[in-house]
Structures are given as C-alpha cells and as structure tokens.
Protein backbone atom coordinates (compact mmCIF):
# COMPACT_ATOMS: atom_id res chain seq x y z
CA MET A 1 -15.47 -13.56 40.30
CA MET A 2 -13.97 -16.80 39.00
CA GLU A 3 -16.74 -17.07 36.42
CA THR A 4 -15.96 -13.56 35.17
CA ARG A 5 -12.31 -14.41 34.70
CA GLY A 6 -13.19 -17.68 33.05
CA THR A 7 -15.24 -15.96 30.40
CA VAL A 8 -12.23 -14.07 29.05
CA PRO A 9 -10.54 -17.09 27.38
CA VAL A 10 -13.90 -18.26 26.06
CA MET A 11 -14.67 -14.85 24.59
CA LYS A 12 -11.18 -14.74 23.13
CA TRP A 13 -11.60 -17.97 21.21
CA ILE A 14 -15.13 -17.12 20.06
CA LEU A 15 -14.01 -13.72 18.83
CA MET A 16 -10.94 -15.14 17.13
CA PHE A 17 -13.04 -17.75 15.34
CA ILE A 18 -15.65 -15.22 14.17
CA LEU A 19 -13.14 -12.67 12.88
CA ALA A 20 -10.92 -15.29 11.21
CA ALA A 21 -13.96 -16.90 9.61
CA MET A 22 -15.15 -13.53 8.28
CA LEU A 23 -11.74 -12.88 6.76
CA LEU A 24 -11.38 -16.34 5.22
CA VAL A 25 -14.89 -16.40 3.79
CA GLY A 26 -14.46 -12.87 2.45
CA HIS A 27 -11.32 -13.85 0.58
CA ALA A 28 -12.66 -17.20 -0.59
CA MET A 29 -15.54 -15.34 -2.24
CA GLN A 30 -13.10 -13.05 -4.05
CA MET A 31 -10.48 -15.41 -5.44
CA HIS A 32 -11.44 -14.44 -9.01
CA VAL A 33 -11.79 -10.73 -8.29
CA GLY A 34 -8.86 -8.96 -9.91
CA HIS A 35 -7.83 -5.95 -11.97
CA ALA A 36 -7.31 -5.87 -15.72
CA ASP A 37 -3.85 -5.01 -17.01
CA ASN A 38 -3.12 -1.35 -17.84
CA GLY A 39 0.27 -2.26 -19.29
CA ASP A 40 2.11 -2.43 -15.97
CA PHE A 41 1.94 -6.23 -15.68
CA SER A 42 4.89 -6.68 -18.01
CA ARG A 43 7.17 -4.75 -15.68
CA MET A 44 7.46 -7.67 -13.24
CA MET A 45 5.43 -10.64 -14.51
CA THR A 46 8.15 -11.60 -17.00
CA TRP A 47 10.06 -13.18 -14.15
CA ILE A 48 7.30 -15.82 -14.26
CA THR A 49 5.35 -15.64 -17.51
CA SER A 50 5.77 -14.34 -21.05
CA GLY A 51 2.06 -13.61 -21.43
CA PRO A 52 -1.51 -14.91 -21.14
CA SER A 53 -2.56 -18.26 -22.52
CA GLY A 54 -4.16 -18.15 -25.95
CA PHE A 55 -2.24 -15.04 -27.07
CA GLU A 56 0.57 -15.27 -29.59
CA GLN A 57 2.02 -11.96 -28.39
CA ASN A 58 2.04 -10.38 -24.96
CA TRP A 59 1.45 -6.97 -26.63
CA PRO A 60 -1.02 -7.49 -29.48
CA GLU A 61 -1.40 -4.85 -32.15
CA GLU A 62 -3.28 -1.83 -30.83
CA GLY A 63 -6.87 -1.77 -32.06
CA SER A 64 -7.08 -5.51 -32.62
CA LEU A 65 -9.52 -7.87 -30.87
CA GLU A 66 -6.63 -9.45 -28.97
CA TYR A 67 -5.54 -6.02 -27.73
CA HIS A 68 -9.08 -5.34 -26.50
CA GLU A 69 -9.10 -8.68 -24.69
CA ARG A 70 -5.59 -8.22 -23.29
CA PHE A 71 -5.72 -4.73 -21.76
CA TYR A 72 -8.12 -2.84 -19.48
CA ASN A 73 -11.20 -4.97 -20.21
CA ASN A 74 -10.58 -8.42 -18.69
CA VAL A 75 -8.96 -10.26 -15.83
CA LEU A 76 -7.26 -13.07 -17.76
CA ALA A 77 -7.38 -16.22 -15.66
CA PHE A 78 -4.62 -18.31 -17.29
CA TRP A 79 -0.99 -17.45 -18.06
CA LYS A 80 1.97 -19.32 -19.53
CA LEU A 81 4.30 -20.70 -16.87
CA ASP A 82 7.46 -20.51 -18.97
CA VAL A 83 9.64 -18.46 -16.56
CA PRO A 84 11.33 -16.24 -19.18
CA LEU A 85 13.29 -14.19 -16.57
CA SER A 86 13.33 -11.42 -19.15
CA THR A 87 13.19 -8.38 -16.90
CA ARG A 88 16.13 -6.70 -15.22
CA TRP A 89 13.99 -5.05 -12.55
CA VAL A 90 13.54 -6.56 -9.10
CA SER A 91 10.66 -6.29 -6.68
CA SER A 92 9.68 -7.98 -3.44
CA VAL A 93 6.37 -8.86 -5.10
CA VAL A 94 8.15 -11.79 -6.80
CA LEU A 95 8.78 -13.29 -3.36
CA LEU A 96 5.11 -12.82 -2.60
CA TRP A 97 4.12 -14.74 -5.74
CA LEU A 98 6.41 -17.72 -5.10
CA PRO A 99 4.27 -19.62 -2.52
CA GLY A 100 1.26 -19.44 -4.81
CA LEU A 101 3.33 -20.58 -7.80
CA VAL A 102 4.54 -23.59 -5.82
CA ALA A 103 0.94 -24.43 -4.96
CA ASN A 104 0.02 -23.96 -8.63
CA VAL A 105 2.71 -26.44 -9.74
CA LEU A 106 1.73 -28.99 -7.08
CA LEU A 107 -2.03 -28.72 -7.42
CA TYR A 108 -2.79 -27.53 -10.95
CA SER A 109 -0.19 -27.36 -13.73
CA THR A 110 3.52 -27.10 -14.47
CA SER A 111 2.94 -25.20 -17.71
CA THR A 112 0.07 -22.81 -16.90
CA VAL A 113 -0.46 -20.33 -14.07
CA TYR A 114 -4.00 -20.08 -12.78
CA LEU A 115 -3.92 -16.44 -11.67
CA PRO A 116 -5.81 -16.81 -8.35
CA PHE A 117 -2.90 -18.93 -7.08
CA VAL A 118 -0.58 -15.89 -7.00
CA SER A 119 -2.93 -14.27 -4.49
CA LEU A 120 -2.51 -16.98 -1.83
CA ALA A 121 0.41 -15.45 0.09
CA PRO A 122 -0.99 -11.93 0.61
CA ARG A 123 -4.36 -13.38 1.64
CA LEU A 124 -2.75 -15.69 4.20
CA LEU A 125 -0.54 -12.87 5.48
CA LEU A 126 -3.65 -10.80 6.24
CA LEU A 127 -4.96 -13.73 8.29
CA VAL A 128 -1.63 -13.97 10.13
CA MET A 129 -1.78 -10.22 10.78
CA LEU A 130 -5.25 -10.60 12.30
CA LEU A 131 -4.12 -13.44 14.56
CA LEU A 132 -1.04 -11.48 15.68
CA LEU A 133 -3.26 -8.49 16.41
CA LEU A 134 -5.59 -10.58 18.57
CA ARG A 135 -2.63 -12.21 20.34
CA TRP A 136 -1.08 -8.81 21.04
CA THR A 137 -4.31 -7.46 22.56
CA GLU A 138 -4.60 -10.56 24.73
CA ARG A 139 -1.08 -10.16 26.10
CA HIS A 140 -1.19 -6.44 26.81
CA THR A 141 -4.76 -5.35 27.60
CA GLY A 142 -5.76 -7.72 30.41
CA GLU A 143 -9.44 -8.34 31.13
CA ALA A 144 -10.44 -5.77 28.52
CA ALA A 145 -8.81 -7.85 25.77
CA PRO A 146 -12.08 -9.03 24.14
CA LEU A 147 -13.43 -5.47 23.90
CA PHE A 148 -10.09 -4.09 22.75
CA ALA A 149 -9.84 -6.86 20.16
CA CYS A 150 -13.28 -5.88 18.85
CA VAL A 151 -12.28 -2.22 18.60
CA LEU A 152 -9.23 -3.14 16.49
CA GLY A 153 -10.23 -6.45 14.94
CA ILE A 154 -13.65 -5.69 13.46
CA PRO A 155 -12.57 -2.66 11.38
CA PHE A 156 -9.38 -4.51 10.40
CA VAL A 157 -11.41 -7.41 8.97
CA PHE A 158 -13.64 -5.08 6.93
CA PHE A 159 -10.48 -3.36 5.69
CA ALA A 160 -8.78 -6.68 4.92
CA VAL A 161 -11.65 -8.07 2.80
CA ASN A 162 -12.37 -4.79 1.01
CA THR A 163 -12.87 -5.64 -2.67
CA ASP A 164 -11.14 -2.52 -3.97
CA TYR A 165 -7.96 -3.53 -2.12
CA VAL A 166 -7.90 -7.31 -2.55
CA ALA A 167 -8.60 -7.01 -6.28
CA TYR A 168 -4.89 -6.23 -6.64
CA PHE A 169 -4.04 -9.68 -5.28
CA THR A 170 -5.34 -11.56 -8.34
CA SER A 171 -3.11 -9.69 -10.73
CA TRP A 172 0.51 -9.09 -11.67
CA TYR A 173 0.52 -5.62 -10.09
CA GLN A 174 3.06 -4.73 -7.38
CA GLU A 175 0.60 -3.24 -4.89
CA PRO A 176 0.25 -6.46 -2.82
CA ALA A 177 3.94 -6.22 -1.94
CA SER A 178 3.46 -2.58 -0.90
CA LEU A 179 0.66 -3.60 1.47
CA THR A 180 2.67 -6.54 2.80
CA GLY A 181 5.74 -4.39 3.41
CA LEU A 182 3.62 -1.88 5.30
CA LEU A 183 2.25 -4.67 7.51
CA PHE A 184 5.79 -6.01 8.11
CA ILE A 185 6.86 -2.59 9.39
CA VAL A 186 3.80 -2.38 11.63
CA ILE A 187 4.70 -5.79 13.11
CA ALA A 188 8.31 -4.71 13.64
CA VAL A 189 7.22 -1.51 15.40
CA ALA A 190 4.83 -3.45 17.64
CA ARG A 191 7.63 -5.86 18.51
CA TYR A 192 10.47 -3.42 19.12
CA PHE A 193 9.24 0.11 19.86
CA GLY A 194 10.20 1.26 23.34
CA ARG A 195 12.37 -1.80 23.97
CA ASP A 196 16.12 -2.15 24.36
CA ASP A 197 18.41 -2.80 21.43
CA SER A 198 18.98 -6.44 20.46
CA ARG A 199 21.21 -8.41 18.12
CA TYR A 200 18.62 -9.07 15.42
CA ARG A 201 16.61 -5.87 15.66
CA PRO A 202 18.42 -3.90 12.91
CA TRP A 203 18.32 -6.88 10.55
CA ILE A 204 14.61 -7.59 11.03
CA SER A 205 13.79 -3.90 10.76
CA ALA A 206 15.86 -3.62 7.58
CA VAL A 207 14.09 -6.58 5.96
CA ALA A 208 10.68 -5.05 6.74
CA VAL A 209 11.60 -1.65 5.30
CA LEU A 210 13.39 -3.12 2.28
CA PHE A 211 10.39 -5.29 1.46
CA LEU A 212 8.26 -2.14 1.25
CA THR A 213 10.69 0.09 -0.62
CA SER A 214 11.68 -2.60 -3.13
CA ALA A 215 8.04 -3.40 -3.90
CA LYS A 216 7.84 -0.31 -6.14
CA VAL A 217 10.29 2.46 -6.94
CA GLY A 218 7.56 4.89 -5.90
CA ASN A 219 7.75 3.63 -2.29
CA MET A 220 11.31 4.81 -1.57
CA HIS A 221 10.19 7.79 0.55
CA TRP A 222 8.70 5.44 3.17
CA VAL A 223 12.20 4.94 4.58
CA LEU A 224 11.89 8.27 6.43
CA PRO A 225 8.83 7.54 8.62
CA ALA A 226 9.99 3.93 9.03
CA ALA A 227 13.45 4.95 10.26
CA LEU A 228 11.94 7.43 12.73
CA VAL A 229 10.03 4.69 14.57
CA LEU A 230 12.28 1.64 14.02
CA ILE A 231 15.65 3.10 15.02
CA PRO A 232 15.94 3.36 18.85
CA TRP A 233 17.39 6.87 18.76
CA LYS A 234 17.43 7.59 22.52
CA ARG A 235 18.80 4.20 23.50
CA LEU A 236 21.66 4.58 21.04
CA ALA A 237 22.78 7.93 22.39
CA GLY A 238 26.51 7.62 23.00
CA LYS A 239 26.77 4.56 20.74
CA PRO A 240 27.69 6.06 17.36
CA ARG A 241 28.86 2.79 15.80
CA ARG A 242 25.65 0.96 16.63
CA LEU A 243 23.61 3.95 15.43
CA ALA A 244 25.57 3.90 12.17
CA VAL A 245 24.62 0.22 11.72
CA TYR A 246 20.95 1.09 12.11
CA ILE A 247 21.14 4.04 9.73
CA LEU A 248 22.94 1.90 7.16
CA PHE A 249 20.54 -1.04 7.25
CA VAL A 250 17.22 0.64 8.10
CA PHE A 251 17.62 3.83 6.05
CA ILE A 252 20.44 3.86 3.49
CA LEU A 253 20.10 0.30 2.13
CA PRO A 254 16.26 0.35 1.74
CA LEU A 255 16.55 3.77 0.10
CA GLY A 256 19.49 2.87 -2.13
CA VAL A 257 17.92 -0.19 -3.79
CA PRO A 258 14.85 1.58 -5.26
CA LEU A 259 16.82 4.76 -5.90
CA LEU A 260 19.33 2.85 -8.01
CA GLN A 261 16.53 1.19 -9.94
CA GLY A 262 14.85 4.56 -10.40
CA LEU A 263 17.98 6.04 -11.94
CA LEU A 264 18.12 3.15 -14.41
CA TYR A 265 14.38 2.80 -14.89
CA GLY A 266 13.27 2.51 -18.50
CA THR A 267 10.18 4.66 -17.97
CA LYS A 268 11.80 7.47 -15.95
CA VAL A 269 11.37 9.90 -18.89
CA VAL A 270 7.69 8.97 -19.11
CA ASN A 271 7.24 9.53 -15.38
CA ALA A 272 9.07 12.86 -15.56
CA TYR A 273 6.88 13.94 -18.49
CA ASN A 274 3.74 13.09 -16.51
CA SER A 275 5.11 14.91 -13.49
CA LEU A 276 5.95 18.03 -15.49
CA PHE A 277 3.17 18.34 -18.07
CA GLY A 278 0.53 16.21 -16.37
CA GLY A 279 1.13 17.55 -12.89
CA THR A 280 3.32 20.45 -11.81
CA LEU A 281 2.59 22.88 -14.67
CA LEU A 282 -1.15 22.23 -14.35
CA PHE A 283 -1.01 23.63 -10.80
CA SER A 284 1.08 26.68 -11.74
CA ASP A 285 -0.24 30.24 -12.05
CA ALA A 286 2.39 31.01 -14.70
CA PRO A 287 3.45 27.83 -16.54
CA GLN A 288 4.85 29.76 -19.50
CA ILE A 289 7.31 31.62 -17.26
CA HIS A 290 8.69 28.30 -16.03
CA LEU A 291 8.95 26.91 -19.56
CA ASP A 292 10.78 30.03 -20.74
CA ARG A 293 13.22 29.79 -17.85
CA ILE A 294 14.17 26.16 -18.49
CA GLY A 295 14.40 26.59 -22.29
CA MET A 296 11.13 25.00 -23.43
CA SER A 297 9.31 28.14 -24.55
CA ASP A 298 7.17 26.46 -27.22
CA ALA A 299 6.23 23.41 -25.08
CA SER A 300 3.07 24.84 -23.54
CA ARG A 301 0.92 22.86 -25.99
CA TYR A 302 1.96 19.64 -24.25
CA ILE A 303 0.50 20.66 -20.88
CA GLY A 304 -2.35 18.34 -19.89
CA HIS A 305 -1.54 15.57 -22.38
CA HIS A 306 -0.72 12.17 -20.91
CA ALA A 307 2.54 10.44 -21.69
CA TYR A 308 1.14 7.83 -24.08
CA GLY A 309 -0.31 10.15 -26.74
CA ASP A 310 1.20 11.53 -29.93
CA GLU A 311 1.85 14.94 -28.33
CA ALA A 312 3.86 13.38 -25.54
CA ARG A 313 5.94 11.27 -27.91
CA GLU A 314 6.76 14.39 -29.88
CA CYS A 315 7.77 16.20 -26.70
CA MET A 316 10.02 13.35 -25.56
CA GLU A 317 11.79 13.38 -28.90
CA ARG A 318 12.32 17.16 -28.83
CA TYR A 319 13.23 17.72 -25.17
CA PRO A 320 14.66 14.51 -23.69
CA GLU A 321 17.29 16.44 -21.69
CA TYR A 322 14.61 18.42 -19.83
CA LEU A 323 12.42 15.50 -18.89
CA ASN A 324 13.67 14.63 -15.43
CA HIS A 325 12.51 15.27 -11.89
CA ALA A 326 15.34 17.72 -11.22
CA VAL A 327 13.61 20.12 -13.63
CA VAL A 328 10.33 19.59 -11.74
CA ALA A 329 12.08 20.27 -8.44
CA GLY A 330 13.51 23.49 -9.88
CA ILE A 331 10.01 24.68 -10.76
CA LEU A 332 8.86 23.95 -7.21
CA VAL A 333 11.74 26.01 -5.83
CA ASN A 334 10.70 28.97 -7.99
CA GLU A 335 7.00 28.61 -7.13
CA PRO A 336 6.83 26.94 -3.67
CA MET A 337 3.03 27.18 -3.44
CA LEU A 338 2.86 24.44 -6.07
CA ALA A 339 3.92 21.86 -3.47
CA TRP A 340 0.89 22.67 -1.31
CA ARG A 341 -1.48 22.57 -4.29
CA MET A 342 -0.12 19.17 -5.29
CA LEU A 343 -0.71 17.83 -1.78
CA VAL A 344 -4.25 19.22 -1.63
CA PHE A 345 -5.06 17.75 -5.05
CA ALA A 346 -3.86 14.33 -3.92
CA ALA A 347 -5.83 14.63 -0.68
CA ASP A 348 -8.94 15.56 -2.68
CA SER A 349 -8.48 12.33 -4.65
CA MET A 350 -8.36 10.13 -1.53
CA GLN A 351 -11.11 7.76 -0.33
CA ARG A 352 -11.99 6.76 -3.92
CA THR A 353 -10.41 3.33 -4.16
CA GLU A 354 -12.37 1.72 -7.02
CA LEU A 355 -10.50 1.74 -10.32
CA ARG A 356 -13.39 2.04 -12.77
CA ASP A 357 -11.05 2.10 -15.80
CA PHE A 358 -9.67 -1.36 -14.93
CA ASP A 359 -12.42 -3.89 -15.60
CA LYS A 360 -12.99 -6.84 -13.25
CA HIS A 361 -14.70 -9.16 -15.77
CA VAL A 362 -13.00 -12.57 -15.78
CA LEU A 363 -12.02 -13.93 -19.21
CA TYR A 364 -11.61 -17.70 -18.82
CA ASN A 365 -8.88 -18.21 -21.41
CA ARG A 366 -8.09 -21.85 -20.70
CA PRO A 367 -5.24 -23.16 -22.88
CA ASP A 368 -7.29 -26.12 -24.13
CA GLU A 369 -10.26 -23.97 -25.18
CA ALA A 370 -10.61 -21.86 -28.32
CA ARG A 371 -12.21 -18.44 -28.61
CA PRO A 372 -14.76 -17.21 -27.75
CA TRP A 373 -13.90 -17.73 -24.09
CA ALA A 374 -16.42 -17.55 -21.28
CA ARG A 375 -16.59 -14.11 -19.64
CA TRP A 376 -18.35 -13.15 -16.44
CA LEU A 377 -18.38 -10.59 -13.63
CA PRO A 378 -17.75 -12.13 -10.18
CA ALA A 379 -20.72 -11.70 -7.85
CA ALA A 380 -18.48 -10.18 -5.17
CA VAL A 381 -17.77 -7.18 -7.38
CA GLY A 382 -21.25 -5.73 -6.90
CA ASN A 383 -21.11 -2.31 -5.23
CA ALA A 384 -23.74 -3.20 -2.63
CA THR A 385 -22.02 -6.30 -1.23
CA PRO A 386 -20.81 -6.35 2.39
CA LEU A 387 -17.33 -7.06 1.06
CA ASN A 388 -17.01 -3.44 -0.05
CA THR A 389 -18.39 -1.94 3.14
CA TRP A 390 -15.06 -0.33 3.96
CA SER A 391 -14.97 1.60 0.68
CA ARG A 392 -18.49 2.90 1.28
CA ILE A 393 -17.52 4.00 4.80
CA LYS A 394 -14.49 5.80 3.41
CA LEU A 395 -16.56 7.69 0.87
CA ALA A 396 -19.26 8.55 3.40
CA ILE A 397 -17.35 9.73 6.48
CA PHE A 398 -13.59 9.90 5.94
CA PRO A 399 -12.25 13.42 5.27
CA LYS A 400 -10.70 14.60 2.01
CA GLY A 401 -8.67 17.56 0.84
CA THR A 402 -7.45 20.13 3.35
CA LEU A 403 -9.52 18.53 6.12
CA LEU A 404 -7.77 15.21 5.56
CA ILE A 405 -4.35 16.84 5.71
CA ALA A 406 -5.28 18.69 8.91
CA SER A 407 -6.73 15.50 10.42
CA LEU A 408 -3.61 13.46 9.66
CA CYS A 409 -1.36 16.18 11.11
CA ALA A 410 -3.49 16.36 14.26
CA ALA A 411 -3.48 12.57 14.57
CA ALA A 412 0.32 12.51 14.14
CA LEU A 413 0.72 15.03 16.97
CA LEU A 414 -1.63 13.01 19.19
CA PHE A 415 0.33 9.86 18.50
CA ILE A 416 3.65 11.62 19.19
CA ALA A 417 2.29 12.61 22.61
CA ALA A 418 1.72 8.91 23.31
CA PHE A 419 5.45 8.20 22.92
CA ARG A 420 6.01 9.42 26.49
CA SER A 421 3.19 7.40 28.02
CA SER A 422 4.08 4.91 30.74
CA ASP A 423 1.63 2.48 29.13
CA HIS A 424 3.20 0.12 26.59
CA VAL A 425 0.01 -0.22 24.54
CA LEU A 426 -0.34 3.54 24.10
CA ARG A 427 3.32 3.86 23.12
CA VAL A 428 3.00 1.18 20.44
CA ILE A 429 -0.28 2.61 19.10
CA GLY A 430 1.38 6.02 19.06
CA ALA A 431 4.42 4.80 17.13
CA ILE A 432 2.39 2.89 14.53
CA GLY A 433 -0.14 5.70 14.21
CA PHE A 434 2.57 8.32 13.71
CA PHE A 435 4.31 6.14 11.11
CA LEU A 436 1.06 5.71 9.16
CA ALA A 437 -0.13 9.33 9.43
CA PHE A 438 3.23 10.85 8.49
CA GLY A 439 3.75 8.26 5.75
CA ALA A 440 0.31 8.90 4.24
CA CYS A 441 0.99 12.64 3.98
CA ILE A 442 4.38 12.08 2.34
CA ASP A 443 3.00 9.44 0.00
CA MET A 444 0.13 11.63 -1.22
CA TRP A 445 2.53 14.38 -2.23
CA MET A 446 5.17 12.08 -3.68
CA GLN A 447 2.72 10.32 -5.99
CA VAL A 448 1.80 13.62 -7.66
CA PHE A 449 5.45 14.70 -7.79
CA GLY A 450 6.52 11.33 -9.20
CA ASP A 451 3.92 10.79 -11.93
CA GLY A 452 1.55 13.76 -11.94
CA ARG A 453 -2.17 13.15 -12.17
CA HIS A 454 -1.71 10.06 -14.34
CA GLU A 455 -3.65 7.12 -12.80
CA LEU A 456 -3.50 8.90 -9.45
CA LEU A 457 -6.20 6.77 -7.81
CA LYS A 458 -4.09 3.66 -8.37
CA HIS A 459 -0.93 5.39 -7.21
CA LEU A 460 -2.67 6.49 -3.99
CA PHE A 461 -3.26 2.85 -3.00
CA LEU A 462 -0.69 2.84 -0.21
CA ALA A 463 -1.63 6.31 1.06
CA ASN A 464 -5.23 5.12 1.35
CA VAL A 465 -4.13 1.98 3.19
CA ALA A 466 -1.97 4.01 5.60
CA GLN A 467 -4.63 6.57 6.45
CA ASP A 468 -7.14 3.73 6.92
CA GLY A 469 -4.77 2.41 9.55
CA VAL A 470 -4.84 5.78 11.29
CA TRP A 471 -8.64 5.73 11.55
CA ILE A 472 -8.56 2.13 12.81
CA LEU A 473 -6.04 3.03 15.53
CA LEU A 474 -7.68 6.23 16.80
CA PRO A 475 -10.68 4.51 18.46
CA ALA A 476 -8.29 1.97 19.99
CA TYR A 477 -6.20 4.83 21.36
CA VAL A 478 -9.26 6.49 22.94
CA PHE A 479 -10.48 3.15 24.31
CA ARG A 480 -7.11 2.47 25.94
CA VAL A 481 -6.99 5.93 27.54
CA LEU A 482 -10.50 5.44 28.97
CA GLN A 483 -9.59 1.95 30.15
CA ILE A 484 -6.55 3.25 32.04
CA ARG A 485 -8.54 6.05 33.66
CA PHE A 486 -11.34 3.70 34.68
CA SER A 487 -8.84 1.22 36.15
CA ARG A 488 -7.25 3.99 38.23
CA ARG A 489 -10.60 5.21 39.51
CA ARG A 490 -11.69 1.67 40.33
CA LYS A 491 -8.47 1.15 42.25
CA THR A 492 -9.09 4.38 44.17
CA TRP A 493 -12.67 3.32 44.99
CA MET A 494 -11.47 -0.09 46.18
CA GLU A 495 -8.88 1.53 48.45
CA GLU A 496 -11.51 3.89 49.90
CA TRP A 497 -13.91 1.04 50.68
CA THR A 498 -11.32 -1.24 52.24
C-alpha cells in the first residue's frame, strides 16, 4: 500500500515534466509563426512602433510593391522601436507586450523590435496556466490526481500549442490579450467560486474581467457571463452595499471602459456598415422593406459589399446618420428571426480557425539589409504537423451550426446542475464550463451583430477558444462523477467486508 501511495508524487512530477516539455517545445518551434497584417496592426501597435523596418511609410501606396510586402502577404520580422504613442485607444494587449519589449531591449536592440519577442508573455502565461491546472488537480482530486491531470492536461497542451491560435502571438493583433483575459477569469473562478467573500476578491475579479473586456471593444459582452460566476450572489444576500461594490467593479467598470471607447471609436461607422449591409440585411427575407422604413430606399445596391470598397465609401458619404448599431437593432426588433439566423451562421463558421487570407511567410526585413529580403515559410506551419492536431480534431469531430448551439446549451445546463454538488471540483468545473459555454454562444452572435460577415473567422477567435474549453472540461466532469461513485462503492464494499 505504501508503494502505491509513493507512486503518486512520482507520477505527478513525470507528468508535469512531460506536459510542460511538450508545451515549451511546441512554442519554441513556432516563435516565427505569425499572421500578416490586415490593416488592424496600426490600431494598437503605434504605442510601440511607427511601422516595419525598411519601409518609409507605415501605409504604402496601394498597388505598390511595398504595399504588397506590408499587408496580407508577409509576417514582417523587424519593426522600428521608436515609441510614437500616437494612438488614443487603449488595450490590455499593450501590457502583454511590455515584458517581451523589455527582453528585446536587454537582449537584442534599443531601436528595433524583433517581433517574436512580443510573444513571450502570452506563451509563458500558457505554461503558468498548465502548472496551475496540474497543481489544482493535485490538491483536490486525491489519489486520482495523475489520471485527472491527464484528462485535463493533455487536451490543454494540444490546445495551447495549436498553430492557428499561437500565430496571433507573433503579431500586433489584440487576440492574445483576449485569450489571456479569458484565462485570468478561469483562474479567478477556480480560486473563488463557492467560497466566502474576501477583501481582495472583488478587486482581483475586476482586474480579470477588465483585462478581457479592454483587450478589444468587441469583448464587452463577456462581462455578463463573467459577473454571473464571479459575483457571490447568494453569499451577498442581505448585504446590498457589498453587492453594489461587486456590481460596480466586476460588471459596470469592465463594461464601461470598452463601451466608452466604442462610442468614440474611429471605425464605428465602418463596423455599423458591415453589420447592416454585410450582415443583417443579408439574412433578411425582405431587406427592401427595412430600407424603406429607415429612409434608405435606394441603398439596396450596397447589400453584400464590404466596407472597404467604392460602393461602401459612397454609402458612408450619403447615409452617415443611418450607419449605427441602433439602426441594426431596430431591424432585429422588426424581424426577430434574423437574430437566430445570425447565430446559426456564426455557429456554421466555427471550428475553422486557420486564416488562409493572412499569409504566414516570414519576410526577414532586417534594418541593415537591403531588398530583396529573405522570405520563407516556417516548417511548423505545415497542415500535417502535430502542432495543429487540435485544429484537425475540431474540424473532424466538433459540432457546427444548430448542433453546436444545442450542444453548448445542453453543456451549460449540465454545468449549472453541478453548482449544487457537494464536491468542490464539480462545482468549479461547473462554474467554468457554464461561463465558457454561455460566453461562446453570446460571442458568436455578437460578432455577427458587431461587424457582419466581414473577417468572421478571425472575429470568432474567442468563441472558438471558449467552446474548446467546454469540450476539454466535459470529459473531466464525467471522470470526476465516475471517480466519486467508485469511491462511494469502494467505501461500501470495505464496510461490508470489515
């Protein structure tokens, strides 16, 4: 019996070493794997850089060779470290870039950013998340900890090294902060759910939620599922002042920051155009009736055209007062079935996480080298590599469309039932699972409402991550239920034989 108990710590360390090594090697092999710029880099990168090395202008003339090199076709490895601070928008992604920038200054250059450096923090945070996950299973699942750690840890590692996800890290996109904020909330739920109120709980919860909602304006709706699982509603019954503190810091503040930015956002008309003409009206049975009602009778020719074409520019000049999301909401009120069609369309677009329009070829534009620069495709980008196993699993077996919606709703109900369990592990899995399932459903719909079909696969990044978490947690939930039942039966057998 002593030998059996002694094997648990040994298995724990072996498993921890194997999983951590898999994650570290997977990320080391993908340091150069990134996404080309679609034009969104300039939204936040101008806190740090005015543009890539070797380019006189950040936005070269459209149609020129420099424009072809700059957008969509290359991951540019080197950027000017001139810190222009020329954007008025804020995002938590800047905080995520800072550790890598410090390492860049200390180890490489004070005038040039080597882009893989900005990916250091999110990569290390995934490692920390894995170690916390293994530590949590060790503390709460007893002798079954090694098996439970395998059930959770192995799929998490394949998820965490998935090329289609980590490619965002070596870029100036804001998605790494969205992923990090989601993980922060998961950690906060695991730490606090089902426990008594404490002095620092509302502050830590608020920081986690704010990190997610301030990552991108399009994340503001995540405050609802986060507040449902982070605010201790039952324990604050009869304490209205303390409840008000939680609502202020966990809900209102994280919602207010991105909402304020959204109201002032320079591209809000573009987003509204995409939502109206590139989304809502495409799902309508009678788009002309809606256009007549809102006073845009001759605007039907703009339906289906994206916001960066000549037709869209003409529309924005003619109807600027109608291009807002309040108009879109009014259409939904008059034709409610549109909301369901938008959700189904988003769900049909899930599980496809590779952005084929954003090239992953690295253009090695070193400042001391003249054109033509070396250009290559990282070996890890190949579709058949183990590093993209998770994407292939998603395409092969994960549900889409109506089945995905039904599955997420069923999973949410199952996880809600776990809230009342006497087992702490089941309660925590239930809370995290509900947060992810509910959040994924909301996020799918909101991405279509916010920006229509435009670049929907990229906008569904966080919804894909959340629903991946649901499928990772479900086997762990079943395993824990079986473990509890087996332990009870074993206890009964022991009592009968003694």
